[in-house]
Amino acid sequence: MFCPKCGSILIPKENKYVCSCGYFTREKEELKLKEKTKETKGVEVISKTIETDPKTSEECPKCENKEAYYWLVQTRAADEAETRFFKCTKCGYKWRSYT
């Protein structure tokens, strides 16, 4: 509730609401909050893997597919080359190449 005189928020005290400007209500009114909400559906889980890694032409050692996703990780010292990891686009097999 807000004060009709100054617009400040009324503070509940004993059996009335009071304001810093001196305004007060005779009796404490009971406030009820009502809100209507729409019924919502539950969360739908979609189990689809989306690959964001780039593709390259690399042969899979397991199924001999000619295309794989790849990413680079610095697994050794900074002055050495990074390790290339691959994932087959067909069977999902993962392997690495030290170059």
Protein backbone atom coordinates (compact mmCIF):
# COMPACT_ATOMS: atom_id res chain seq x y z
CA MET A 1 0.00 0.00 0.00
CA PHE A 2 1.11 3.53 -0.71
CA CYS A 3 0.47 6.77 1.16
CA PRO A 4 -2.21 8.89 -0.55
CA LYS A 5 -0.43 12.08 0.64
CA CYS A 6 3.21 11.57 -0.34
CA GLY A 7 3.27 8.28 -2.29
CA SER A 8 5.68 6.48 0.09
CA ILE A 9 5.19 2.85 1.06
CA LEU A 10 3.07 2.44 4.18
CA ILE A 11 4.66 0.48 7.03
CA PRO A 12 2.50 -1.91 9.10
CA LYS A 13 2.51 -1.05 12.83
CA GLU A 14 0.20 -2.61 15.39
CA ASN A 15 -3.34 -2.38 13.93
CA LYS A 16 -2.67 0.28 11.29
CA TYR A 17 -0.38 1.34 8.47
CA VAL A 18 1.80 4.43 9.05
CA CYS A 19 3.86 6.69 6.81
CA SER A 20 6.90 8.85 7.58
CA CYS A 21 4.89 11.96 6.59
CA GLY A 22 2.46 11.37 9.47
CA TYR A 23 -0.40 9.73 7.58
CA PHE A 24 -1.90 6.57 9.10
CA THR A 25 -4.92 4.35 8.48
CA ARG A 26 -7.58 3.75 11.10
CA GLU A 27 -7.47 -0.05 10.91
CA LYS A 28 -5.04 -2.42 9.35
CA GLU A 29 -6.51 -3.70 6.11
CA GLU A 30 -5.96 -7.25 5.05
CA LEU A 31 -4.11 -7.44 1.76
CA LYS A 32 -4.57 -10.32 -0.62
CA LEU A 33 -2.47 -10.89 -3.68
CA LYS A 34 -4.09 -12.65 -6.60
CA GLU A 35 -2.39 -13.65 -9.78
CA LYS A 36 -3.67 -15.71 -12.67
CA THR A 37 -1.11 -17.77 -14.50
CA LYS A 38 -1.31 -19.79 -17.66
CA GLU A 39 -0.78 -23.49 -17.53
CA THR A 40 2.58 -24.34 -19.04
CA LYS A 41 3.86 -27.52 -20.53
CA GLY A 42 6.79 -29.33 -18.95
CA VAL A 43 10.32 -28.97 -20.22
CA GLU A 44 10.93 -30.96 -23.36
CA VAL A 45 14.29 -32.72 -23.45
CA ILE A 46 15.73 -33.29 -26.88
CA SER A 47 18.64 -35.69 -26.98
CA LYS A 48 20.27 -34.53 -30.16
CA THR A 49 24.02 -34.00 -30.39
CA ILE A 50 25.06 -30.91 -32.29
CA GLU A 51 28.66 -30.90 -33.45
CA THR A 52 30.27 -27.48 -33.65
CA ASP A 53 33.82 -28.66 -34.34
CA PRO A 54 35.19 -28.24 -37.88
CA LYS A 55 35.46 -31.22 -40.22
CA THR A 56 38.53 -32.48 -42.02
CA SER A 57 39.41 -35.34 -44.34
CA GLU A 58 41.02 -37.85 -41.98
CA GLU A 59 40.58 -41.64 -42.11
CA CYS A 60 39.00 -43.29 -39.07
CA PRO A 61 41.18 -46.20 -37.83
CA LYS A 62 38.08 -48.10 -36.71
CA CYS A 63 35.54 -47.85 -39.57
CA GLU A 64 37.73 -46.31 -42.33
CA ASN A 65 35.35 -43.37 -42.80
CA LYS A 66 37.12 -40.53 -44.60
CA GLU A 67 35.72 -37.59 -42.58
CA ALA A 68 36.23 -36.54 -38.95
CA TYR A 69 35.71 -33.60 -36.61
CA TYR A 70 38.89 -32.18 -35.10
CA TRP A 71 40.09 -29.89 -32.31
CA LEU A 72 43.48 -28.84 -30.98
CA VAL A 73 44.68 -28.97 -27.34
CA GLN A 74 48.01 -27.83 -25.89
CA THR A 75 48.82 -30.97 -23.85
CA ARG A 76 52.59 -30.53 -23.55
CA ALA A 77 54.94 -27.58 -22.97
CA ALA A 78 54.20 -24.30 -24.70
CA ASP A 79 57.22 -24.59 -27.00
CA GLU A 80 55.99 -27.93 -28.40
CA ALA A 81 53.24 -28.52 -30.97
CA GLU A 82 49.65 -29.02 -29.87
CA THR A 83 47.85 -32.39 -29.96
CA ARG A 84 45.16 -32.86 -32.60
CA PHE A 85 42.10 -34.83 -31.53
CA PHE A 86 39.69 -36.40 -34.02
CA LYS A 87 36.15 -37.80 -33.79
CA CYS A 88 34.73 -39.86 -36.63
CA THR A 89 31.58 -38.38 -38.19
CA LYS A 90 30.18 -41.88 -38.80
CA CYS A 91 30.94 -44.07 -35.76
CA GLY A 92 32.00 -41.46 -33.16
CA TYR A 93 35.39 -43.10 -32.46
CA LYS A 94 37.95 -40.66 -30.97
CA TRP A 95 41.71 -40.70 -31.51
CA ARG A 96 44.61 -38.27 -31.39
CA SER A 97 47.60 -37.32 -33.49
CA TYR A 98 50.82 -35.80 -32.15
CA THR A 99 52.25 -33.51 -34.84
